[in-house]
């Protein structure tokens, strides 16, 4: 994990409940993973976030307000999402894959109301996930 993409102390202090942040983990194993989380609260020395695990469970984690590094439970940092990074691009691609597939189905049969409903549902689910994660 590199300090160049870590959120600064000023950026961390400016966070407010409900805002979405990016978490980078796994760099110590040579395989960076990115996740999104929602800021739950800030206290004197920590940013508390809620994120979804790989199997759908919700986790509450604390990150240092000065450093953005996770407190306990393995190394992770709050970072600026860099869309030039291949791991970040892959994470974004996976999150929008259902929308892309639904759009392709609808574009082939524009009169198909069910395909349009599936596209609308995929977009709604993505937006709901973006607001809650």
N, C-alpha and C. Protein backbone atom coordinates (compact mmCIF):
# COMPACT_ATOMS: atom_id res chain seq x y z
N UNK A 1 0.84 -1.16 0.00
CA UNK A 1 0.00 0.00 0.00
C UNK A 1 0.88 1.21 0.00
N UNK A 2 0.52 2.11 -0.82
CA UNK A 2 1.38 3.26 -1.01
C UNK A 2 0.78 4.49 -0.38
N UNK A 3 1.67 5.31 0.15
CA UNK A 3 1.22 6.54 0.79
C UNK A 3 0.69 7.53 -0.23
N UNK A 4 1.08 7.39 -1.52
CA UNK A 4 0.67 8.39 -2.50
C UNK A 4 -0.82 8.37 -2.79
N UNK A 5 -1.51 7.26 -2.56
CA UNK A 5 -2.95 7.25 -2.83
C UNK A 5 -3.78 7.22 -1.55
N UNK A 6 -3.12 7.27 -0.40
CA UNK A 6 -3.83 7.28 0.88
C UNK A 6 -4.50 8.64 1.07
N UNK A 7 -5.68 8.65 1.69
CA UNK A 7 -6.34 9.92 1.99
C UNK A 7 -5.49 10.71 2.99
N UNK A 8 -5.42 12.01 2.79
CA UNK A 8 -4.66 12.86 3.70
C UNK A 8 -5.45 13.08 4.98
N UNK A 9 -4.77 13.59 6.01
CA UNK A 9 -5.45 13.89 7.27
C UNK A 9 -6.57 14.90 7.06
N UNK A 10 -6.35 15.86 6.17
CA UNK A 10 -7.39 16.87 5.88
C UNK A 10 -8.60 16.22 5.21
N UNK A 11 -8.35 15.31 4.27
CA UNK A 11 -9.45 14.62 3.59
C UNK A 11 -10.21 13.74 4.58
N UNK A 12 -9.49 13.07 5.47
CA UNK A 12 -10.14 12.23 6.47
C UNK A 12 -11.00 13.07 7.41
N UNK A 13 -10.49 14.22 7.85
CA UNK A 13 -11.23 15.08 8.76
C UNK A 13 -12.47 15.68 8.09
N UNK A 14 -12.43 15.82 6.76
CA UNK A 14 -13.56 16.41 6.03
C UNK A 14 -14.68 15.39 5.75
N UNK A 15 -14.44 14.11 6.01
CA UNK A 15 -15.47 13.09 5.77
C UNK A 15 -16.68 13.32 6.67
N UNK A 16 -17.84 13.00 6.16
CA UNK A 16 -19.10 13.13 6.90
C UNK A 16 -19.88 11.82 6.80
N UNK A 17 -20.70 11.53 7.80
CA UNK A 17 -21.53 10.31 7.74
C UNK A 17 -22.35 10.26 6.46
N UNK A 18 -22.38 9.07 5.87
CA UNK A 18 -23.11 8.86 4.62
C UNK A 18 -22.24 8.93 3.39
N UNK A 19 -21.03 9.47 3.49
CA UNK A 19 -20.13 9.56 2.34
C UNK A 19 -19.53 8.19 2.04
N UNK A 20 -19.21 7.96 0.78
CA UNK A 20 -18.61 6.71 0.34
C UNK A 20 -17.09 6.88 0.28
N UNK A 21 -16.38 5.87 0.77
CA UNK A 21 -14.92 5.88 0.73
C UNK A 21 -14.44 4.57 0.09
N UNK A 22 -13.20 4.57 -0.38
CA UNK A 22 -12.59 3.37 -0.95
C UNK A 22 -11.58 2.80 0.03
N UNK A 23 -11.55 1.48 0.12
CA UNK A 23 -10.64 0.77 1.01
C UNK A 23 -9.74 -0.11 0.16
N UNK A 24 -8.43 -0.03 0.43
CA UNK A 24 -7.46 -0.89 -0.25
C UNK A 24 -6.88 -1.86 0.76
N UNK A 25 -6.88 -3.13 0.43
CA UNK A 25 -6.30 -4.14 1.31
C UNK A 25 -5.59 -5.18 0.45
N UNK A 26 -4.85 -6.07 1.09
CA UNK A 26 -4.23 -7.17 0.39
C UNK A 26 -2.90 -6.89 -0.26
N UNK A 27 -2.38 -5.66 -0.17
CA UNK A 27 -1.11 -5.34 -0.83
C UNK A 27 0.05 -6.12 -0.22
N UNK A 28 -0.06 -6.47 1.06
CA UNK A 28 1.03 -7.21 1.69
C UNK A 28 1.17 -8.62 1.10
N UNK A 29 0.14 -9.07 0.40
CA UNK A 29 0.19 -10.38 -0.25
C UNK A 29 0.42 -10.24 -1.76
N UNK A 30 0.67 -9.02 -2.21
CA UNK A 30 0.93 -8.79 -3.63
C UNK A 30 -0.32 -8.76 -4.49
N UNK A 31 -1.48 -8.69 -3.87
CA UNK A 31 -2.73 -8.70 -4.63
C UNK A 31 -3.69 -7.69 -4.01
N UNK A 32 -3.69 -6.50 -4.53
CA UNK A 32 -4.53 -5.44 -3.96
C UNK A 32 -6.00 -5.70 -4.26
N UNK A 33 -6.81 -5.44 -3.25
CA UNK A 33 -8.26 -5.55 -3.40
C UNK A 33 -8.85 -4.21 -2.98
N UNK A 34 -9.93 -3.85 -3.64
CA UNK A 34 -10.60 -2.60 -3.35
C UNK A 34 -12.05 -2.88 -2.97
N UNK A 35 -12.54 -2.10 -2.04
CA UNK A 35 -13.93 -2.21 -1.62
C UNK A 35 -14.43 -0.80 -1.33
N UNK A 36 -15.73 -0.64 -1.35
CA UNK A 36 -16.31 0.64 -0.97
C UNK A 36 -16.98 0.49 0.38
N UNK A 37 -17.03 1.58 1.10
CA UNK A 37 -17.66 1.59 2.43
C UNK A 37 -18.35 2.92 2.62
N UNK A 38 -19.23 2.96 3.60
CA UNK A 38 -19.95 4.19 3.94
C UNK A 38 -19.50 4.65 5.30
N UNK A 39 -19.20 5.93 5.41
CA UNK A 39 -18.81 6.51 6.69
C UNK A 39 -20.03 6.49 7.61
N UNK A 40 -19.87 5.92 8.80
CA UNK A 40 -20.95 5.85 9.77
C UNK A 40 -20.84 7.00 10.75
N UNK A 41 -19.64 7.22 11.28
CA UNK A 41 -19.43 8.33 12.22
C UNK A 41 -17.95 8.63 12.33
N UNK A 42 -17.66 9.79 12.88
CA UNK A 42 -16.29 10.19 13.20
C UNK A 42 -16.25 10.50 14.68
N UNK A 43 -15.22 10.01 15.36
CA UNK A 43 -15.03 10.42 16.74
C UNK A 43 -13.67 11.10 16.83
N UNK A 44 -13.18 11.34 18.00
CA UNK A 44 -11.95 12.11 18.16
C UNK A 44 -10.74 11.57 17.43
N UNK A 45 -10.63 10.25 17.29
CA UNK A 45 -9.42 9.69 16.68
C UNK A 45 -9.68 8.66 15.59
N UNK A 46 -10.95 8.37 15.28
CA UNK A 46 -11.25 7.33 14.31
C UNK A 46 -12.35 7.73 13.34
N UNK A 47 -12.29 7.12 12.17
CA UNK A 47 -13.38 7.16 11.20
C UNK A 47 -14.00 5.77 11.25
N UNK A 48 -15.29 5.67 11.48
CA UNK A 48 -15.97 4.39 11.55
C UNK A 48 -16.76 4.21 10.25
N UNK A 49 -16.51 3.08 9.58
CA UNK A 49 -17.17 2.81 8.30
C UNK A 49 -17.89 1.47 8.34
N UNK A 50 -18.85 1.31 7.47
CA UNK A 50 -19.58 0.05 7.31
C UNK A 50 -19.36 -0.41 5.88
N UNK A 51 -18.93 -1.67 5.73
CA UNK A 51 -18.70 -2.21 4.39
C UNK A 51 -19.28 -3.61 4.30
N UNK A 52 -19.43 -4.08 3.08
CA UNK A 52 -19.98 -5.40 2.85
C UNK A 52 -18.84 -6.37 2.55
N UNK A 53 -18.89 -7.54 3.19
CA UNK A 53 -17.88 -8.56 2.97
C UNK A 53 -18.14 -9.33 1.69
N UNK A 54 -17.23 -10.23 1.32
CA UNK A 54 -17.36 -10.97 0.07
C UNK A 54 -18.58 -11.88 0.01
N UNK A 55 -19.11 -12.27 1.16
CA UNK A 55 -20.30 -13.14 1.18
C UNK A 55 -21.57 -12.39 1.55
N UNK A 56 -21.50 -11.06 1.51
CA UNK A 56 -22.69 -10.26 1.75
C UNK A 56 -22.88 -9.78 3.17
N UNK A 57 -22.04 -10.19 4.11
CA UNK A 57 -22.16 -9.74 5.49
C UNK A 57 -21.72 -8.29 5.65
N UNK A 58 -22.27 -7.61 6.62
CA UNK A 58 -21.90 -6.22 6.89
C UNK A 58 -20.85 -6.18 7.99
N UNK A 59 -19.84 -5.35 7.81
CA UNK A 59 -18.76 -5.20 8.77
C UNK A 59 -18.59 -3.74 9.14
N UNK A 60 -18.33 -3.48 10.40
CA UNK A 60 -18.04 -2.13 10.88
C UNK A 60 -16.56 -2.11 11.23
N UNK A 61 -15.83 -1.16 10.64
CA UNK A 61 -14.39 -1.07 10.84
C UNK A 61 -14.01 0.33 11.25
N UNK A 62 -12.88 0.43 11.97
CA UNK A 62 -12.37 1.73 12.40
C UNK A 62 -11.05 2.00 11.71
N UNK A 63 -10.87 3.24 11.27
CA UNK A 63 -9.64 3.69 10.64
C UNK A 63 -9.15 4.92 11.38
N UNK A 64 -7.84 5.02 11.53
CA UNK A 64 -7.26 6.16 12.22
C UNK A 64 -7.57 7.46 11.49
N UNK A 65 -7.94 8.49 12.23
CA UNK A 65 -8.31 9.77 11.64
C UNK A 65 -7.09 10.49 11.07
N UNK A 66 -5.92 10.24 11.60
CA UNK A 66 -4.72 10.91 11.09
C UNK A 66 -4.07 10.15 9.93
N UNK A 67 -4.14 8.82 9.96
CA UNK A 67 -3.42 8.03 8.96
C UNK A 67 -4.31 7.34 7.94
N UNK A 68 -5.55 7.05 8.28
CA UNK A 68 -6.43 6.31 7.39
C UNK A 68 -6.16 4.82 7.36
N UNK A 69 -5.38 4.31 8.32
CA UNK A 69 -5.05 2.88 8.39
C UNK A 69 -6.02 2.20 9.35
N UNK A 70 -6.47 0.99 8.96
CA UNK A 70 -7.43 0.23 9.77
C UNK A 70 -6.83 -0.13 11.12
N UNK A 71 -7.68 -0.05 12.15
CA UNK A 71 -7.29 -0.42 13.50
C UNK A 71 -7.66 -1.88 13.71
N UNK A 72 -6.64 -2.76 13.83
CA UNK A 72 -6.88 -4.19 14.04
C UNK A 72 -7.37 -4.90 12.80
N UNK A 73 -7.28 -6.22 12.82
CA UNK A 73 -7.88 -7.04 11.76
C UNK A 73 -7.16 -7.05 10.43
N UNK A 74 -5.86 -6.93 10.40
CA UNK A 74 -5.14 -6.94 9.13
C UNK A 74 -4.99 -5.55 8.57
N UNK A 75 -4.08 -5.39 7.62
CA UNK A 75 -3.76 -4.06 7.12
C UNK A 75 -4.70 -3.64 5.99
N UNK A 76 -5.26 -2.46 6.12
CA UNK A 76 -6.10 -1.85 5.08
C UNK A 76 -6.03 -0.34 5.27
N UNK A 77 -6.27 0.40 4.20
CA UNK A 77 -6.21 1.86 4.23
C UNK A 77 -7.38 2.47 3.47
N UNK A 78 -7.76 3.67 3.90
CA UNK A 78 -8.71 4.47 3.13
C UNK A 78 -7.91 5.19 2.06
N UNK A 79 -8.31 5.05 0.80
CA UNK A 79 -7.53 5.58 -0.31
C UNK A 79 -8.39 6.36 -1.28
N UNK A 80 -7.71 7.13 -2.12
CA UNK A 80 -8.35 7.76 -3.28
C UNK A 80 -8.44 6.68 -4.35
N UNK A 81 -9.62 6.42 -4.86
CA UNK A 81 -9.77 5.41 -5.91
C UNK A 81 -9.11 5.93 -7.18
N UNK A 82 -8.17 5.14 -7.71
CA UNK A 82 -7.43 5.52 -8.90
C UNK A 82 -7.92 4.66 -10.05
N UNK A 83 -8.67 5.25 -10.97
CA UNK A 83 -9.23 4.46 -12.06
C UNK A 83 -8.18 4.01 -13.06
N UNK A 84 -6.93 4.52 -12.94
CA UNK A 84 -5.85 4.05 -13.81
C UNK A 84 -5.25 2.75 -13.28
N UNK A 85 -5.57 2.40 -12.05
CA UNK A 85 -5.05 1.18 -11.45
C UNK A 85 -5.88 -0.01 -11.94
N UNK A 86 -5.26 -1.06 -12.45
CA UNK A 86 -6.02 -2.21 -12.98
C UNK A 86 -6.95 -2.85 -11.95
N UNK A 87 -6.54 -2.94 -10.69
CA UNK A 87 -7.40 -3.56 -9.67
C UNK A 87 -8.66 -2.73 -9.44
N UNK A 88 -8.52 -1.40 -9.47
CA UNK A 88 -9.68 -0.53 -9.30
C UNK A 88 -10.62 -0.65 -10.49
N UNK A 89 -10.04 -0.67 -11.69
CA UNK A 89 -10.87 -0.82 -12.89
C UNK A 89 -11.65 -2.13 -12.85
N UNK A 90 -10.99 -3.20 -12.40
CA UNK A 90 -11.66 -4.51 -12.31
C UNK A 90 -12.81 -4.46 -11.31
N UNK A 91 -12.59 -3.81 -10.17
CA UNK A 91 -13.64 -3.67 -9.16
C UNK A 91 -14.84 -2.91 -9.73
N UNK A 92 -14.60 -1.81 -10.43
CA UNK A 92 -15.69 -1.04 -11.03
C UNK A 92 -16.39 -1.83 -12.13
N UNK A 93 -15.63 -2.59 -12.91
CA UNK A 93 -16.22 -3.41 -13.97
C UNK A 93 -17.17 -4.45 -13.40
N UNK A 94 -16.74 -5.13 -12.33
CA UNK A 94 -17.61 -6.14 -11.71
C UNK A 94 -18.90 -5.52 -11.19
N UNK A 95 -18.82 -4.30 -10.62
CA UNK A 95 -20.01 -3.68 -10.06
C UNK A 95 -21.01 -3.27 -11.13
N UNK A 96 -20.55 -2.99 -12.36
CA UNK A 96 -21.46 -2.54 -13.42
C UNK A 96 -21.78 -3.63 -14.44
N UNK A 97 -21.29 -4.82 -14.24
CA UNK A 97 -21.46 -5.90 -15.20
C UNK A 97 -22.93 -6.23 -15.45
N UNK A 98 -23.75 -6.25 -14.41
CA UNK A 98 -25.17 -6.58 -14.58
C UNK A 98 -25.88 -5.51 -15.41
N UNK A 99 -25.53 -4.26 -15.20
CA UNK A 99 -26.13 -3.18 -15.99
C UNK A 99 -25.76 -3.34 -17.45
N UNK A 100 -24.50 -3.63 -17.72
CA UNK A 100 -24.05 -3.80 -19.11
C UNK A 100 -24.80 -4.93 -19.80
N UNK A 101 -24.96 -6.06 -19.12
CA UNK A 101 -25.66 -7.20 -19.70
C UNK A 101 -27.13 -6.87 -19.96
N UNK A 102 -27.77 -6.21 -19.01
CA UNK A 102 -29.19 -5.85 -19.18
C UNK A 102 -29.36 -4.84 -20.32
N UNK A 103 -28.43 -3.92 -20.45
CA UNK A 103 -28.51 -2.94 -21.54
C UNK A 103 -28.37 -3.64 -22.89
N UNK A 104 -27.44 -4.57 -23.00
CA UNK A 104 -27.27 -5.30 -24.26
C UNK A 104 -28.55 -6.06 -24.62
N UNK A 105 -29.18 -6.71 -23.64
CA UNK A 105 -30.43 -7.43 -23.89
C UNK A 105 -31.52 -6.47 -24.37
N UNK A 106 -31.66 -5.35 -23.69
CA UNK A 106 -32.71 -4.40 -24.05
C UNK A 106 -32.43 -3.77 -25.42
N UNK A 107 -31.15 -3.47 -25.73
CA UNK A 107 -30.84 -2.80 -27.01
C UNK A 107 -31.13 -3.72 -28.20
N UNK A 108 -31.11 -5.03 -27.99
CA UNK A 108 -31.44 -5.98 -29.06
C UNK A 108 -32.94 -6.06 -29.31
N UNK A 109 -33.73 -5.81 -28.24
CA UNK A 109 -35.19 -5.91 -28.33
C UNK A 109 -35.81 -4.71 -27.60
N UNK A 110 -35.75 -3.56 -28.23
CA UNK A 110 -36.20 -2.33 -27.57
C UNK A 110 -37.69 -2.31 -27.24
N UNK A 111 -38.47 -3.14 -27.87
CA UNK A 111 -39.90 -3.19 -27.57
C UNK A 111 -40.21 -4.12 -26.40
N UNK A 112 -39.22 -4.85 -25.91
CA UNK A 112 -39.40 -5.81 -24.82
C UNK A 112 -39.44 -5.07 -23.47
N UNK A 113 -40.63 -4.99 -22.91
CA UNK A 113 -40.82 -4.28 -21.65
C UNK A 113 -40.10 -4.99 -20.49
N UNK A 114 -40.07 -6.31 -20.51
CA UNK A 114 -39.39 -7.05 -19.45
C UNK A 114 -37.88 -6.78 -19.45
N UNK A 115 -37.29 -6.67 -20.65
CA UNK A 115 -35.86 -6.35 -20.74
C UNK A 115 -35.60 -4.94 -20.20
N UNK A 116 -36.51 -4.03 -20.49
CA UNK A 116 -36.37 -2.66 -19.96
C UNK A 116 -36.51 -2.65 -18.44
N UNK A 117 -37.44 -3.43 -17.91
CA UNK A 117 -37.59 -3.52 -16.45
C UNK A 117 -36.33 -4.10 -15.79
N UNK A 118 -35.73 -5.11 -16.42
CA UNK A 118 -34.49 -5.69 -15.90
C UNK A 118 -33.36 -4.66 -15.88
N UNK A 119 -33.28 -3.86 -16.94
CA UNK A 119 -32.28 -2.80 -16.99
C UNK A 119 -32.52 -1.78 -15.88
N UNK A 120 -33.76 -1.37 -15.71
CA UNK A 120 -34.09 -0.41 -14.66
C UNK A 120 -33.78 -0.99 -13.27
N UNK A 121 -34.08 -2.26 -13.06
CA UNK A 121 -33.81 -2.90 -11.78
C UNK A 121 -32.29 -2.99 -11.52
N UNK A 122 -31.53 -3.30 -12.56
CA UNK A 122 -30.07 -3.38 -12.41
C UNK A 122 -29.48 -2.02 -12.03
N UNK A 123 -29.97 -0.98 -12.66
CA UNK A 123 -29.49 0.37 -12.35
C UNK A 123 -29.92 0.76 -10.94
N UNK A 124 -31.15 0.46 -10.56
CA UNK A 124 -31.64 0.79 -9.21
C UNK A 124 -30.83 0.05 -8.14
N UNK A 125 -30.55 -1.23 -8.38
CA UNK A 125 -29.75 -2.01 -7.42
C UNK A 125 -28.34 -1.43 -7.29
N UNK A 126 -27.75 -1.06 -8.42
CA UNK A 126 -26.41 -0.45 -8.38
C UNK A 126 -26.42 0.86 -7.59
N UNK A 127 -27.43 1.69 -7.84
CA UNK A 127 -27.52 2.97 -7.11
C UNK A 127 -27.75 2.74 -5.63
N UNK A 128 -28.60 1.78 -5.28
CA UNK A 128 -28.85 1.49 -3.87
C UNK A 128 -27.57 0.97 -3.19
N UNK A 129 -26.83 0.13 -3.90
CA UNK A 129 -25.58 -0.39 -3.37
C UNK A 129 -24.55 0.72 -3.20
N UNK A 130 -24.50 1.64 -4.15
CA UNK A 130 -23.57 2.76 -4.06
C UNK A 130 -23.89 3.67 -2.89
N UNK A 131 -25.17 3.82 -2.58
CA UNK A 131 -25.56 4.69 -1.47
C UNK A 131 -25.39 4.03 -0.13
N UNK A 132 -25.43 2.69 -0.08
CA UNK A 132 -25.34 2.00 1.20
C UNK A 132 -23.97 1.39 1.45
N UNK A 133 -23.11 1.34 0.44
CA UNK A 133 -21.79 0.75 0.67
C UNK A 133 -20.70 1.77 0.69
